[in-house]
Amino acid sequence: SPRLATVQTLLAGYSSLSVPQLMHPLSKTFTHQVLPTSLGMPIRNRDSFAIHAKGIFSIFDTFRMAPEGMYEDKERDVVVIHARMEGLLSHNRGWWASECVMFVRLSDDGKKVEGIWEFVDSQKAVEMRRRFAP
């Protein structure tokens, strides 16, 4: 389906470590929210998401967003992904692995990502912030 093809493009964008490639399937009104809200992370628009992605990408030499499962809700234009996030940290800082569940809302035609709600491993998110915050 167009929705699943767009989500595959999104996942390839994460794995590319290229902000322009990641941004390609995002709509102009795109929003991104990291959950749970107890982590205190802001809701990001398209521009602030690009800045956030650049910061995250900068700490990795390699990165992969590997889906464990993917579920499509055709009536709501949503794809739910359970994914492993793993990669080699730059400057010989070792291997990083975590997981997330993403709810990806798509445009009516399935060709643009309108929003992502990303539930992350809270413990890993706190560790990443502690170790790599600017």
N, C-alpha and C. Protein backbone atom coordinates (compact mmCIF):
# COMPACT_ATOMS: atom_id res chain seq x y z
N SER A 1 0.84 -1.20 0.00
CA SER A 1 0.00 0.00 0.00
C SER A 1 0.88 1.25 0.00
N PRO A 2 0.33 2.39 -0.41
CA PRO A 2 1.11 3.63 -0.38
C PRO A 2 1.58 3.99 1.04
N ARG A 3 0.73 3.72 2.05
CA ARG A 3 1.12 4.03 3.43
C ARG A 3 2.36 3.25 3.84
N LEU A 4 2.37 1.95 3.58
CA LEU A 4 3.52 1.12 3.96
C LEU A 4 4.77 1.52 3.18
N ALA A 5 4.60 1.88 1.91
CA ALA A 5 5.76 2.33 1.12
C ALA A 5 6.33 3.62 1.70
N THR A 6 5.47 4.54 2.11
CA THR A 6 5.93 5.79 2.71
C THR A 6 6.64 5.53 4.03
N VAL A 7 6.11 4.63 4.83
CA VAL A 7 6.75 4.29 6.11
C VAL A 7 8.11 3.64 5.86
N GLN A 8 8.23 2.80 4.85
CA GLN A 8 9.53 2.21 4.52
C GLN A 8 10.53 3.31 4.12
N THR A 9 10.06 4.32 3.39
CA THR A 9 10.91 5.46 3.03
C THR A 9 11.33 6.21 4.29
N LEU A 10 10.41 6.39 5.23
CA LEU A 10 10.72 7.05 6.51
C LEU A 10 11.79 6.27 7.27
N LEU A 11 11.62 4.96 7.39
CA LEU A 11 12.59 4.13 8.12
C LEU A 11 13.96 4.17 7.44
N ALA A 12 13.97 4.15 6.11
CA ALA A 12 15.24 4.26 5.37
C ALA A 12 15.90 5.61 5.64
N GLY A 13 15.09 6.65 5.80
CA GLY A 13 15.62 7.97 6.12
C GLY A 13 16.32 7.99 7.46
N TYR A 14 15.71 7.36 8.47
CA TYR A 14 16.37 7.24 9.78
C TYR A 14 17.70 6.50 9.62
N SER A 15 17.68 5.40 8.92
CA SER A 15 18.87 4.56 8.79
C SER A 15 19.97 5.21 7.96
N SER A 16 19.62 6.20 7.14
CA SER A 16 20.59 6.85 6.26
C SER A 16 21.50 7.83 7.01
N LEU A 17 21.07 8.27 8.19
CA LEU A 17 21.76 9.34 8.93
C LEU A 17 21.84 10.63 8.11
N SER A 18 20.92 10.80 7.18
CA SER A 18 20.85 11.99 6.33
C SER A 18 19.56 12.75 6.66
N VAL A 19 19.69 13.96 7.19
CA VAL A 19 18.51 14.75 7.53
C VAL A 19 17.65 15.01 6.29
N PRO A 20 18.22 15.44 5.14
CA PRO A 20 17.36 15.65 3.96
C PRO A 20 16.59 14.39 3.55
N GLN A 21 17.23 13.23 3.63
CA GLN A 21 16.53 12.00 3.26
C GLN A 21 15.42 11.69 4.26
N LEU A 22 15.68 11.90 5.55
CA LEU A 22 14.65 11.68 6.57
C LEU A 22 13.47 12.62 6.36
N MET A 23 13.74 13.86 5.99
CA MET A 23 12.70 14.87 5.85
C MET A 23 11.84 14.69 4.59
N HIS A 24 12.36 13.99 3.61
CA HIS A 24 11.68 13.88 2.30
C HIS A 24 10.21 13.48 2.40
N PRO A 25 9.83 12.44 3.17
CA PRO A 25 8.41 12.05 3.16
C PRO A 25 7.53 12.85 4.13
N LEU A 26 8.08 13.83 4.84
CA LEU A 26 7.31 14.56 5.84
C LEU A 26 6.51 15.70 5.21
N SER A 27 5.26 15.85 5.66
CA SER A 27 4.42 16.94 5.16
C SER A 27 4.91 18.28 5.72
N LYS A 28 4.42 19.36 5.16
CA LYS A 28 4.79 20.70 5.63
C LYS A 28 4.27 20.96 7.04
N THR A 29 3.18 20.28 7.43
CA THR A 29 2.58 20.48 8.75
C THR A 29 2.94 19.35 9.73
N PHE A 30 3.96 18.59 9.42
CA PHE A 30 4.41 17.45 10.22
C PHE A 30 4.67 17.84 11.68
N THR A 31 4.31 16.92 12.60
CA THR A 31 4.66 17.06 14.01
C THR A 31 5.22 15.74 14.53
N HIS A 32 6.08 15.85 15.55
CA HIS A 32 6.71 14.67 16.16
C HIS A 32 6.64 14.84 17.67
N GLN A 33 6.17 13.79 18.34
CA GLN A 33 6.12 13.82 19.80
C GLN A 33 6.73 12.55 20.36
N VAL A 34 7.67 12.71 21.29
CA VAL A 34 8.26 11.58 22.00
C VAL A 34 7.44 11.36 23.26
N LEU A 35 7.05 10.12 23.48
CA LEU A 35 6.26 9.73 24.64
C LEU A 35 7.01 8.65 25.42
N PRO A 36 6.76 8.48 26.69
CA PRO A 36 5.73 9.13 27.48
C PRO A 36 6.05 10.60 27.77
N THR A 37 4.99 11.36 28.05
CA THR A 37 5.15 12.78 28.31
C THR A 37 6.01 13.05 29.55
N SER A 38 6.13 12.06 30.43
CA SER A 38 6.95 12.24 31.64
C SER A 38 8.42 12.53 31.30
N LEU A 39 8.84 12.22 30.07
CA LEU A 39 10.21 12.53 29.66
C LEU A 39 10.40 14.03 29.43
N GLY A 40 9.30 14.77 29.30
CA GLY A 40 9.38 16.22 29.16
C GLY A 40 9.94 16.69 27.83
N MET A 41 9.79 15.90 26.79
CA MET A 41 10.31 16.30 25.48
C MET A 41 9.26 17.12 24.74
N PRO A 42 9.68 18.17 24.06
CA PRO A 42 8.72 19.05 23.39
C PRO A 42 8.12 18.40 22.14
N ILE A 43 6.91 18.83 21.79
CA ILE A 43 6.34 18.46 20.50
C ILE A 43 7.09 19.30 19.46
N ARG A 44 7.57 18.63 18.42
CA ARG A 44 8.38 19.31 17.41
C ARG A 44 7.61 19.46 16.10
N ASN A 45 7.80 20.61 15.45
CA ASN A 45 7.29 20.78 14.10
C ASN A 45 8.36 20.30 13.13
N ARG A 46 8.11 20.45 11.86
CA ARG A 46 9.04 19.93 10.84
C ARG A 46 10.45 20.52 11.01
N ASP A 47 10.55 21.82 11.23
CA ASP A 47 11.86 22.46 11.34
C ASP A 47 12.60 22.04 12.60
N SER A 48 11.90 22.01 13.74
CA SER A 48 12.58 21.62 14.99
C SER A 48 12.91 20.13 14.99
N PHE A 49 12.12 19.33 14.27
CA PHE A 49 12.44 17.91 14.14
C PHE A 49 13.74 17.72 13.35
N ALA A 50 13.94 18.53 12.31
CA ALA A 50 15.18 18.44 11.51
C ALA A 50 16.39 18.76 12.38
N ILE A 51 16.28 19.77 13.23
CA ILE A 51 17.38 20.14 14.13
C ILE A 51 17.64 19.01 15.12
N HIS A 52 16.57 18.44 15.68
CA HIS A 52 16.69 17.31 16.61
C HIS A 52 17.36 16.12 15.93
N ALA A 53 16.92 15.80 14.72
CA ALA A 53 17.49 14.65 13.99
C ALA A 53 18.97 14.87 13.72
N LYS A 54 19.34 16.09 13.35
CA LYS A 54 20.76 16.39 13.09
C LYS A 54 21.60 16.11 14.33
N GLY A 55 21.10 16.50 15.50
CA GLY A 55 21.81 16.25 16.74
C GLY A 55 21.94 14.77 17.05
N ILE A 56 20.86 14.03 16.89
CA ILE A 56 20.90 12.58 17.15
C ILE A 56 21.83 11.90 16.14
N PHE A 57 21.69 12.23 14.87
CA PHE A 57 22.52 11.60 13.84
C PHE A 57 24.00 11.87 14.07
N SER A 58 24.33 13.02 14.65
CA SER A 58 25.74 13.39 14.82
C SER A 58 26.50 12.49 15.80
N ILE A 59 25.79 11.74 16.63
CA ILE A 59 26.49 10.89 17.61
C ILE A 59 26.69 9.46 17.10
N PHE A 60 26.21 9.17 15.89
CA PHE A 60 26.31 7.82 15.34
C PHE A 60 27.21 7.77 14.11
N ASP A 61 27.97 6.67 13.99
CA ASP A 61 28.66 6.35 12.74
C ASP A 61 27.76 5.52 11.84
N THR A 62 27.00 4.61 12.45
CA THR A 62 25.99 3.83 11.72
C THR A 62 24.75 3.77 12.59
N PHE A 63 23.60 3.64 11.95
CA PHE A 63 22.33 3.59 12.68
C PHE A 63 21.34 2.81 11.84
N ARG A 64 20.45 2.11 12.54
CA ARG A 64 19.44 1.32 11.84
C ARG A 64 18.16 1.35 12.64
N MET A 65 17.07 1.64 11.97
CA MET A 65 15.74 1.55 12.54
C MET A 65 15.14 0.29 11.93
N ALA A 66 15.14 -0.81 12.69
CA ALA A 66 14.76 -2.12 12.16
C ALA A 66 13.39 -2.53 12.69
N PRO A 67 12.38 -2.59 11.82
CA PRO A 67 11.05 -2.95 12.29
C PRO A 67 10.95 -4.41 12.74
N GLU A 68 10.36 -4.60 13.90
CA GLU A 68 10.04 -5.94 14.42
C GLU A 68 8.63 -6.33 13.97
N GLY A 69 7.78 -5.34 13.86
CA GLY A 69 6.40 -5.56 13.43
C GLY A 69 5.82 -4.26 12.91
N MET A 70 4.88 -4.38 11.97
CA MET A 70 4.27 -3.21 11.37
C MET A 70 2.78 -3.52 11.14
N TYR A 71 1.92 -2.59 11.55
CA TYR A 71 0.48 -2.81 11.48
C TYR A 71 -0.16 -1.58 10.85
N GLU A 72 -1.00 -1.82 9.85
CA GLU A 72 -1.61 -0.73 9.11
C GLU A 72 -3.09 -0.61 9.45
N ASP A 73 -3.52 0.59 9.81
CA ASP A 73 -4.94 0.89 10.02
C ASP A 73 -5.38 1.74 8.83
N LYS A 74 -5.98 1.09 7.86
CA LYS A 74 -6.35 1.76 6.60
C LYS A 74 -7.42 2.82 6.80
N GLU A 75 -8.32 2.60 7.76
CA GLU A 75 -9.42 3.54 7.98
C GLU A 75 -8.94 4.85 8.60
N ARG A 76 -7.87 4.79 9.39
CA ARG A 76 -7.37 5.99 10.08
C ARG A 76 -6.08 6.54 9.47
N ASP A 77 -5.59 5.91 8.40
CA ASP A 77 -4.34 6.33 7.75
C ASP A 77 -3.18 6.36 8.75
N VAL A 78 -3.08 5.29 9.54
CA VAL A 78 -2.02 5.18 10.55
C VAL A 78 -1.30 3.85 10.37
N VAL A 79 0.02 3.88 10.53
CA VAL A 79 0.82 2.67 10.58
C VAL A 79 1.52 2.66 11.94
N VAL A 80 1.43 1.52 12.62
CA VAL A 80 2.08 1.34 13.93
C VAL A 80 3.29 0.43 13.71
N ILE A 81 4.43 0.87 14.24
CA ILE A 81 5.69 0.13 14.05
C ILE A 81 6.32 -0.13 15.40
N HIS A 82 6.69 -1.38 15.64
CA HIS A 82 7.56 -1.71 16.77
C HIS A 82 8.94 -1.91 16.14
N ALA A 83 9.92 -1.11 16.58
CA ALA A 83 11.23 -1.13 15.92
C ALA A 83 12.37 -1.17 16.93
N ARG A 84 13.44 -1.82 16.51
CA ARG A 84 14.72 -1.73 17.22
C ARG A 84 15.47 -0.55 16.64
N MET A 85 16.11 0.21 17.51
CA MET A 85 16.97 1.31 17.07
C MET A 85 18.36 0.94 17.54
N GLU A 86 19.28 0.80 16.60
CA GLU A 86 20.61 0.33 16.98
C GLU A 86 21.66 0.94 16.08
N GLY A 87 22.84 1.13 16.66
CA GLY A 87 23.91 1.69 15.85
C GLY A 87 25.21 1.81 16.60
N LEU A 88 26.24 2.11 15.84
CA LEU A 88 27.58 2.29 16.37
C LEU A 88 27.77 3.77 16.67
N LEU A 89 28.06 4.06 17.94
CA LEU A 89 28.28 5.44 18.35
C LEU A 89 29.61 5.94 17.82
N SER A 90 29.68 7.21 17.50
CA SER A 90 30.92 7.80 16.99
C SER A 90 31.96 7.91 18.09
N HIS A 91 33.19 8.15 17.70
CA HIS A 91 34.32 8.33 18.62
C HIS A 91 34.55 7.11 19.51
N ASN A 92 34.35 5.92 18.94
CA ASN A 92 34.61 4.66 19.66
C ASN A 92 33.86 4.56 20.99
N ARG A 93 32.62 5.05 21.01
CA ARG A 93 31.84 5.00 22.25
C ARG A 93 30.97 3.75 22.35
N GLY A 94 31.13 2.82 21.40
CA GLY A 94 30.45 1.55 21.53
C GLY A 94 29.13 1.46 20.77
N TRP A 95 28.39 0.42 21.10
CA TRP A 95 27.14 0.07 20.43
C TRP A 95 25.98 0.62 21.24
N TRP A 96 24.95 1.10 20.55
CA TRP A 96 23.73 1.60 21.19
C TRP A 96 22.57 0.77 20.67
N ALA A 97 21.69 0.35 21.58
CA ALA A 97 20.48 -0.37 21.16
C ALA A 97 19.32 0.05 22.06
N SER A 98 18.19 0.24 21.44
CA SER A 98 16.97 0.60 22.16
C SER A 98 15.80 0.11 21.31
N GLU A 99 14.60 0.46 21.72
CA GLU A 99 13.44 0.11 20.92
C GLU A 99 12.38 1.18 21.09
N CYS A 100 11.45 1.19 20.16
CA CYS A 100 10.35 2.16 20.23
C CYS A 100 9.11 1.57 19.57
N VAL A 101 7.99 2.21 19.85
CA VAL A 101 6.75 1.96 19.12
C VAL A 101 6.34 3.31 18.55
N MET A 102 6.18 3.37 17.24
CA MET A 102 5.80 4.61 16.57
C MET A 102 4.42 4.48 15.95
N PHE A 103 3.59 5.49 16.21
CA PHE A 103 2.32 5.64 15.51
C PHE A 103 2.57 6.70 14.45
N VAL A 104 2.49 6.30 13.19
CA VAL A 104 2.78 7.20 12.08
C VAL A 104 1.47 7.53 11.36
N ARG A 105 1.05 8.80 11.44
CA ARG A 105 -0.16 9.25 10.77
C ARG A 105 0.21 9.76 9.39
N LEU A 106 -0.52 9.30 8.38
CA LEU A 106 -0.20 9.64 6.99
C LEU A 106 -1.32 10.46 6.36
N SER A 107 -0.97 11.11 5.26
CA SER A 107 -1.95 11.89 4.49
C SER A 107 -2.99 10.94 3.90
N ASP A 108 -4.10 11.51 3.43
CA ASP A 108 -5.19 10.70 2.87
C ASP A 108 -4.71 9.79 1.74
N ASP A 109 -3.76 10.28 0.92
CA ASP A 109 -3.26 9.46 -0.19
C ASP A 109 -2.12 8.53 0.24
N GLY A 110 -1.70 8.64 1.51
CA GLY A 110 -0.66 7.75 2.03
C GLY A 110 0.76 8.12 1.63
N LYS A 111 0.94 9.26 0.98
CA LYS A 111 2.26 9.59 0.42
C LYS A 111 3.09 10.53 1.28
N LYS A 112 2.51 11.11 2.33
CA LYS A 112 3.24 12.02 3.22
C LYS A 112 2.99 11.65 4.68
N VAL A 113 4.02 11.81 5.49
CA VAL A 113 3.90 11.58 6.93
C VAL A 113 3.43 12.88 7.56
N GLU A 114 2.27 12.83 8.21
CA GLU A 114 1.69 14.00 8.87
C GLU A 114 2.17 14.13 10.32
N GLY A 115 2.39 12.99 10.97
CA GLY A 115 2.80 13.05 12.37
C GLY A 115 3.33 11.72 12.86
N ILE A 116 4.18 11.80 13.89
CA ILE A 116 4.71 10.61 14.55
C ILE A 116 4.57 10.79 16.05
N TRP A 117 3.99 9.80 16.70
CA TRP A 117 4.01 9.69 18.16
C TRP A 117 4.92 8.52 18.44
N GLU A 118 6.03 8.79 19.10
CA GLU A 118 7.08 7.78 19.29
C GLU A 118 7.23 7.46 20.77
N PHE A 119 6.79 6.26 21.16
CA PHE A 119 6.99 5.78 22.53
C PHE A 119 8.37 5.15 22.59
N VAL A 120 9.22 5.68 23.46
CA VAL A 120 10.60 5.21 23.55
C VAL A 120 10.83 4.50 24.88
N ASP A 121 11.93 3.79 24.96
CA ASP A 121 12.39 3.17 26.20
C ASP A 121 12.84 4.32 27.10
N SER A 122 12.07 4.61 28.13
CA SER A 122 12.35 5.78 28.98
C SER A 122 13.74 5.74 29.59
N GLN A 123 14.14 4.58 30.06
CA GLN A 123 15.46 4.45 30.68
C GLN A 123 16.57 4.80 29.68
N LYS A 124 16.43 4.30 28.45
CA LYS A 124 17.43 4.59 27.42
C LYS A 124 17.39 6.07 27.01
N ALA A 125 16.21 6.66 26.96
CA ALA A 125 16.10 8.08 26.60
C ALA A 125 16.80 8.96 27.63
N VAL A 126 16.62 8.64 28.91
CA VAL A 126 17.29 9.40 29.98
C VAL A 126 18.80 9.21 29.89
N GLU A 127 19.23 7.97 29.62
CA GLU A 127 20.67 7.69 29.49
C GLU A 127 21.26 8.47 28.31
N MET A 128 20.55 8.49 27.18
CA MET A 128 21.07 9.21 26.02
C MET A 128 21.18 10.70 26.32
N ARG A 129 20.16 11.26 26.96
CA ARG A 129 20.19 12.69 27.30
C ARG A 129 21.37 12.99 28.23
N ARG A 130 21.59 12.12 29.21
CA ARG A 130 22.68 12.31 30.18
C ARG A 130 24.04 12.21 29.50
N ARG A 131 24.21 11.23 28.62
CA ARG A 131 25.52 11.00 28.01
C ARG A 131 25.85 11.94 26.86
N PHE A 132 24.83 12.37 26.12
CA PHE A 132 25.11 13.06 24.86
C PHE A 132 24.48 14.44 24.72
N ALA A 133 23.85 14.96 25.76
CA ALA A 133 23.25 16.29 25.65
C ALA A 133 24.33 17.34 25.39
N PRO A 134 24.02 18.32 24.53
CA PRO A 134 25.03 19.36 24.23
C PRO A 134 25.35 20.22 25.45
